């Protein structure tokens, strides 16, 4: 703690940590969601029936 500046205490250095942690959580959740959707799309594509459609 700086005696010349009483506002410069240890807690003030951690002020932006909440936003950073929230942002990282949001990015992580979006990454997991995109990964799950990609796996689901790949699974659907690989399990799809490959018969060509009859032209009308």
PDB file of N, CA and C in Angstrom:
ATOM      1  N   UNK A   1       0.842  -1.184   0.000  1.00  0.00           N
ATOM      2  CA  UNK A   1       0.000   0.000   0.000  1.00  0.00           C
ATOM      3  C   UNK A   1       0.881   1.239   0.000  1.00  0.00           C
ATOM      4  N   UNK A   2       0.580   2.152  -0.881  1.00  0.00           N
ATOM      5  CA  UNK A   2       1.347   3.387  -1.001  1.00  0.00           C
ATOM      6  C   UNK A   2       0.795   4.411  -0.012  1.00  0.00           C
ATOM      7  N   UNK A   3       1.601   4.858   0.971  1.00  0.00           N
ATOM      8  CA  UNK A   3       1.082   5.824   1.954  1.00  0.00           C
ATOM      9  C   UNK A   3       0.732   7.163   1.334  1.00  0.00           C
ATOM     10  N   UNK A   4       1.364   7.543   0.220  1.00  0.00           N
ATOM     11  CA  UNK A   4       1.070   8.833  -0.406  1.00  0.00           C
ATOM     12  C   UNK A   4      -0.277   8.801  -1.116  1.00  0.00           C
ATOM     13  N   UNK A   5      -0.714   7.626  -1.542  1.00  0.00           N
ATOM     14  CA  UNK A   5      -1.970   7.501  -2.256  1.00  0.00           C
ATOM     15  C   UNK A   5      -2.807   6.414  -1.584  1.00  0.00           C
ATOM     16  N   UNK A   6      -3.717   6.785  -0.708  1.00  0.00           N
ATOM     17  CA  UNK A   6      -4.486   5.768   0.020  1.00  0.00           C
ATOM     18  C   UNK A   6      -5.435   4.972  -0.875  1.00  0.00           C
ATOM     19  N   UNK A   7      -5.758   5.491  -2.045  1.00  0.00           N
ATOM     20  CA  UNK A   7      -6.651   4.762  -2.947  1.00  0.00           C
ATOM     21  C   UNK A   7      -5.925   3.634  -3.673  1.00  0.00           C
ATOM     22  N   UNK A   8      -4.605   3.634  -3.626  1.00  0.00           N
ATOM     23  CA  UNK A   8      -3.822   2.613  -4.313  1.00  0.00           C
ATOM     24  C   UNK A   8      -3.583   1.435  -3.376  1.00  0.00           C
ATOM     25  N   UNK A   9      -4.631   0.685  -3.104  1.00  0.00           N
ATOM     26  CA  UNK A   9      -4.482  -0.487  -2.249  1.00  0.00           C
ATOM     27  C   UNK A   9      -4.572  -1.747  -3.106  1.00  0.00           C
ATOM     28  N   UNK A  10      -4.388  -2.878  -2.513  1.00  0.00           N
ATOM     29  CA  UNK A  10      -4.369  -4.130  -3.261  1.00  0.00           C
ATOM     30  C   UNK A  10      -5.677  -4.449  -3.957  1.00  0.00           C
ATOM     31  N   UNK A  11      -6.789  -4.031  -3.378  1.00  0.00           N
ATOM     32  CA  UNK A  11      -8.086  -4.347  -3.972  1.00  0.00           C
ATOM     33  C   UNK A  11      -8.327  -3.574  -5.266  1.00  0.00           C
ATOM     34  N   UNK A  12      -7.742  -2.409  -5.393  1.00  0.00           N
ATOM     35  CA  UNK A  12      -7.956  -1.621  -6.604  1.00  0.00           C
ATOM     36  C   UNK A  12      -7.292  -2.266  -7.821  1.00  0.00           C
ATOM     37  N   UNK A  13      -6.247  -3.027  -7.597  1.00  0.00           N
ATOM     38  CA  UNK A  13      -5.591  -3.697  -8.719  1.00  0.00           C
ATOM     39  C   UNK A  13      -6.460  -4.819  -9.279  1.00  0.00           C
ATOM     40  N   UNK A  14      -7.388  -5.333  -8.465  1.00  0.00           N
ATOM     41  CA  UNK A  14      -8.227  -6.450  -8.884  1.00  0.00           C
ATOM     42  C   UNK A  14      -9.569  -5.977  -9.450  1.00  0.00           C
ATOM     43  N   UNK A  15      -9.707  -4.688  -9.688  1.00  0.00           N
ATOM     44  CA  UNK A  15     -11.003  -4.142 -10.085  1.00  0.00           C
ATOM     45  C   UNK A  15     -11.495  -4.731 -11.410  1.00  0.00           C
ATOM     46  N   UNK A  16     -10.630  -4.913 -12.383  1.00  0.00           N
ATOM     47  CA  UNK A  16     -11.049  -5.413 -13.682  1.00  0.00           C
ATOM     48  C   UNK A  16     -11.092  -6.923 -13.789  1.00  0.00           C
ATOM     49  N   UNK A  17     -10.746  -7.630 -12.734  1.00  0.00           N
ATOM     50  CA  UNK A  17     -10.695  -9.092 -12.813  1.00  0.00           C
ATOM     51  C   UNK A  17     -12.067  -9.710 -13.038  1.00  0.00           C
ATOM     52  N   UNK A  18     -13.104  -9.134 -12.465  1.00  0.00           N
ATOM     53  CA  UNK A  18     -14.449  -9.674 -12.649  1.00  0.00           C
ATOM     54  C   UNK A  18     -14.868  -9.649 -14.110  1.00  0.00           C
ATOM     55  N   UNK A  19     -14.576  -8.549 -14.784  1.00  0.00           N
ATOM     56  CA  UNK A  19     -14.927  -8.441 -16.207  1.00  0.00           C
ATOM     57  C   UNK A  19     -14.118  -9.410 -17.043  1.00  0.00           C
ATOM     58  N   UNK A  20     -12.839  -9.561 -16.701  1.00  0.00           N
ATOM     59  CA  UNK A  20     -12.005 -10.491 -17.464  1.00  0.00           C
ATOM     60  C   UNK A  20     -12.471 -11.925 -17.292  1.00  0.00           C
ATOM     61  N   UNK A  21     -12.801 -12.298 -16.057  1.00  0.00           N
ATOM     62  CA  UNK A  21     -13.258 -13.658 -15.806  1.00  0.00           C
ATOM     63  C   UNK A  21     -14.599 -13.906 -16.477  1.00  0.00           C
ATOM     64  N   UNK A  22     -15.468 -12.916 -16.450  1.00  0.00           N
ATOM     65  CA  UNK A  22     -16.755 -13.045 -17.125  1.00  0.00           C
ATOM     66  C   UNK A  22     -16.587 -13.176 -18.635  1.00  0.00           C
ATOM     67  N   UNK A  23     -15.665 -12.402 -19.187  1.00  0.00           N
ATOM     68  CA  UNK A  23     -15.407 -12.492 -20.627  1.00  0.00           C
ATOM     69  C   UNK A  23     -14.835 -13.839 -21.023  1.00  0.00           C
ATOM     70  N   UNK A  24     -13.920 -14.340 -20.199  1.00  0.00           N
ATOM     71  CA  UNK A  24     -13.345 -15.656 -20.493  1.00  0.00           C
ATOM     72  C   UNK A  24     -14.404 -16.751 -20.378  1.00  0.00           C
ATOM     73  N   UNK A  25     -15.303 -16.627 -19.397  1.00  0.00           N
ATOM     74  CA  UNK A  25     -16.380 -17.606 -19.256  1.00  0.00           C
ATOM     75  C   UNK A  25     -17.291 -17.567 -20.479  1.00  0.00           C
ATOM     76  N   UNK A  26     -17.597 -16.365 -20.953  1.00  0.00           N
ATOM     77  CA  UNK A  26     -18.453 -16.230 -22.131  1.00  0.00           C
ATOM     78  C   UNK A  26     -17.791 -16.829 -23.363  1.00  0.00           C
ATOM     79  N   UNK A  27     -16.512 -16.550 -23.558  1.00  0.00           N
ATOM     80  CA  UNK A  27     -15.782 -17.106 -24.700  1.00  0.00           C
ATOM     81  C   UNK A  27     -15.721 -18.636 -24.596  1.00  0.00           C
ATOM     82  N   UNK A  28     -15.511 -19.147 -23.401  1.00  0.00           N
ATOM     83  CA  UNK A  28     -15.447 -20.595 -23.211  1.00  0.00           C
ATOM     84  C   UNK A  28     -16.787 -21.251 -23.515  1.00  0.00           C
ATOM     85  N   UNK A  29     -17.860 -20.642 -23.037  1.00  0.00           N
ATOM     86  CA  UNK A  29     -19.191 -21.201 -23.291  1.00  0.00           C
ATOM     87  C   UNK A  29     -19.496 -21.174 -24.783  1.00  0.00           C
ATOM     88  N   UNK A  30     -19.188 -20.070 -25.464  1.00  0.00           N
ATOM     89  CA  UNK A  30     -19.431 -19.992 -26.906  1.00  0.00           C
ATOM     90  C   UNK A  30     -18.604 -21.016 -27.665  1.00  0.00           C
ATOM     91  N   UNK A  31     -17.363 -21.236 -27.236  1.00  0.00           N
ATOM     92  CA  UNK A  31     -16.510 -22.226 -27.882  1.00  0.00           C
ATOM     93  C   UNK A  31     -17.089 -23.624 -27.722  1.00  0.00           C
ATOM     94  N   UNK A  32     -17.543 -23.945 -26.526  1.00  0.00           N
ATOM     95  CA  UNK A  32     -18.133 -25.273 -26.289  1.00  0.00           C
ATOM     96  C   UNK A  32     -19.404 -25.446 -27.113  1.00  0.00           C
ATOM     97  N   UNK A  33     -20.243 -24.413 -27.176  1.00  0.00           N
ATOM     98  CA  UNK A  33     -21.479 -24.501 -27.954  1.00  0.00           C
ATOM     99  C   UNK A  33     -21.163 -24.714 -29.432  1.00  0.00           C
ATOM    100  N   UNK A  34     -20.211 -23.960 -29.971  1.00  0.00           N
ATOM    101  CA  UNK A  34     -19.846 -24.124 -31.378  1.00  0.00           C
ATOM    102  C   UNK A  34     -19.246 -25.498 -31.642  1.00  0.00           C
ATOM    103  N   UNK A  35     -18.464 -26.009 -30.711  1.00  0.00           N
ATOM    104  CA  UNK A  35     -17.882 -27.338 -30.858  1.00  0.00           C
ATOM    105  C   UNK A  35     -18.972 -28.398 -30.874  1.00  0.00           C
ATOM    106  N   UNK A  36     -19.943 -28.294 -29.966  1.00  0.00           N
ATOM    107  CA  UNK A  36     -21.043 -29.270 -29.920  1.00  0.00           C
ATOM    108  C   UNK A  36     -21.877 -29.195 -31.198  1.00  0.00           C
ATOM    109  N   UNK A  37     -22.171 -27.987 -31.665  1.00  0.00           N
ATOM    110  CA  UNK A  37     -22.947 -27.846 -32.903  1.00  0.00           C
ATOM    111  C   UNK A  37     -22.186 -28.406 -34.102  1.00  0.00           C
ATOM    112  N   UNK A  38     -20.878 -28.190 -34.141  1.00  0.00           N
ATOM    113  CA  UNK A  38     -20.065 -28.738 -35.228  1.00  0.00           C
ATOM    114  C   UNK A  38     -20.047 -30.252 -35.212  1.00  0.00           C
ATOM    115  N   UNK A  39     -19.928 -30.831 -34.022  1.00  0.00           N
ATOM    116  CA  UNK A  39     -19.946 -32.297 -33.920  1.00  0.00           C
ATOM    117  C   UNK A  39     -21.309 -32.844 -34.340  1.00  0.00           C
ATOM    118  N   UNK A  40     -22.387 -32.168 -33.920  1.00  0.00           N
ATOM    119  CA  UNK A  40     -23.731 -32.608 -34.296  1.00  0.00           C
ATOM    120  C   UNK A  40     -23.928 -32.523 -35.811  1.00  0.00           C
ATOM    121  N   UNK A  41     -23.448 -31.455 -36.428  1.00  0.00           N
ATOM    122  CA  UNK A  41     -23.581 -31.314 -37.882  1.00  0.00           C
ATOM    123  C   UNK A  41     -22.761 -32.378 -38.611  1.00  0.00           C
ATOM    124  N   UNK A  42     -21.557 -32.639 -38.118  1.00  0.00           N
ATOM    125  CA  UNK A  42     -20.724 -33.676 -38.731  1.00  0.00           C
ATOM    126  C   UNK A  42     -21.371 -35.049 -38.580  1.00  0.00           C
ATOM    127  N   UNK A  43     -21.908 -35.333 -37.404  1.00  0.00           N
ATOM    128  CA  UNK A  43     -22.584 -36.610 -37.167  1.00  0.00           C
ATOM    129  C   UNK A  43     -23.787 -36.762 -38.107  1.00  0.00           C
ATOM    130  N   UNK A  44     -24.579 -35.689 -38.256  1.00  0.00           N
ATOM    131  CA  UNK A  44     -25.740 -35.735 -39.142  1.00  0.00           C
ATOM    132  C   UNK A  44     -25.303 -35.952 -40.586  1.00  0.00           C
ATOM    133  N   UNK A  45     -24.226 -35.283 -40.982  1.00  0.00           N
ATOM    134  CA  UNK A  45     -23.721 -35.438 -42.345  1.00  0.00           C
ATOM    135  C   UNK A  45     -23.221 -36.855 -42.595  1.00  0.00           C
ATOM    136  N   UNK A  46     -22.490 -37.403 -41.654  1.00  0.00           N
ATOM    137  CA  UNK A  46     -21.936 -38.735 -41.841  1.00  0.00           C
ATOM    138  C   UNK A  46     -23.009 -39.822 -41.780  1.00  0.00           C
ATOM    139  N   UNK A  47     -24.069 -39.604 -41.025  1.00  0.00           N
ATOM    140  CA  UNK A  47     -25.146 -40.594 -40.896  1.00  0.00           C
ATOM    141  C   UNK A  47     -26.208 -40.422 -41.972  1.00  0.00           C
ATOM    142  N   UNK A  48     -26.104 -39.394 -42.798  1.00  0.00           N
ATOM    143  CA  UNK A  48     -27.130 -39.107 -43.802  1.00  0.00           C
ATOM    144  C   UNK A  48     -27.134 -40.195 -44.871  1.00  0.00           C
ATOM    145  N   UNK A  49     -28.307 -40.402 -45.424  1.00  0.00           N
ATOM    146  CA  UNK A  49     -28.453 -41.374 -46.507  1.00  0.00           C
ATOM    147  C   UNK A  49     -27.848 -40.780 -47.767  1.00  0.00           C
ATOM    148  N   UNK A  50     -26.953 -41.502 -48.408  1.00  0.00           N
ATOM    149  CA  UNK A  50     -26.216 -40.965 -49.538  1.00  0.00           C
ATOM    150  C   UNK A  50     -26.888 -41.262 -50.890  1.00  0.00           C
ATOM    151  N   UNK A  51     -28.129 -41.717 -50.873  1.00  0.00           N
ATOM    152  CA  UNK A  51     -28.803 -42.028 -52.150  1.00  0.00           C
ATOM    153  C   UNK A  51     -29.082 -40.730 -52.911  1.00  0.00           C
ATOM    154  N   UNK A  52     -28.757 -40.696 -54.201  1.00  0.00           N
ATOM    155  CA  UNK A  52     -29.048 -39.484 -54.975  1.00  0.00           C
ATOM    156  C   UNK A  52     -30.562 -39.317 -55.166  1.00  0.00           C
ATOM    157  N   UNK A  53     -30.993 -38.086 -55.234  1.00  0.00           N
ATOM    158  CA  UNK A  53     -32.412 -37.820 -55.416  1.00  0.00           C
ATOM    159  C   UNK A  53     -32.820 -38.066 -56.852  1.00  0.00           C
ATOM    160  N   UNK A  54     -34.039 -38.574 -57.022  1.00  0.00           N
ATOM    161  CA  UNK A  54     -34.559 -38.787 -58.378  1.00  0.00           C
ATOM    162  C   UNK A  54     -35.029 -37.443 -58.928  1.00  0.00           C
ATOM    163  N   UNK A  55     -34.592 -37.142 -60.143  1.00  0.00           N
ATOM    164  CA  UNK A  55     -34.988 -35.873 -60.743  1.00  0.00           C
ATOM    165  C   UNK A  55     -36.399 -36.004 -61.306  1.00  0.00           C
ATOM    166  N   UNK A  56     -37.164 -34.944 -61.149  1.00  0.00           N
ATOM    167  CA  UNK A  56     -38.546 -34.979 -61.637  1.00  0.00           C
ATOM    168  C   UNK A  56     -38.719 -34.065 -62.812  1.00  0.00           C
TER     169      UNK A  56
END
